[in-house]
């Protein structure tokens, strides 16, 4: 597990934390210097930012379980963060983009997080599998390090246990277990992760009287970059409104 940390320089002051869960599969979307402007933007607003590359990168990137054992990498990062001396452990937040949104939802079932934000996140992997079956079957048309075997060829007895595997990765199936305030941001024209999954999740959160906020952008995008949208500003306001 490779972990990145960015924080504004502080002296003798504990700071709140954002755990950032990246999108992408395997080596496709892994963290790089291109992510630093995003982290800096969050850090300049008073947060220390930590991000995990998850375990399935490098030579084993093609075997990414995408919401399986890799969820433990984020959970372990959370436990480490709580022990860092400059961290305000009473104010830990989580943000996920795309696949990282799915990871965020999964973590909210297990961790004590002040509030979370999900951008273009996968909330219904069954729907995602129908619309983009390459995540189930894999692909082999990219450079070798970016190819992927697909969940059906990675997870044991997938055909027999597919419903179980997909449900474990679909927040719409266990919205009643999400007790963290969550802000869901999505583009109506998102061509990679359909907004339908987010809408279904919001309906479930509403059904169980959960604390959430939902914003749909009527402009095509997947990651809603802060350079073109007010997404990060919205998220920072959301986090600060849930600071102890």
Foldseek 3Di string as FASTA:
>chain_A
DDKDKDADDDDPAAFAEEEEEWDDAAAGGFDDPVCVVVQVVLRVLTYMYMYDSFDRYDPRRQQGLLLPPSLVVSVVVLVVQCPDPRHPNQQYEYEYAASGLLSVLLVLLPDDHLEYEYFLYAQQVVVLCVLPVCQAQWDDPDPNRRTHRHNVVRDPPCVVCVVVSRLSSHCLNPLLSRQHEYEYEYECQEPNRHCVSVVSSVVSCVVNVHHYHYYYHPDYDRRQDVVRHVVVVVVSVVSVVRHD
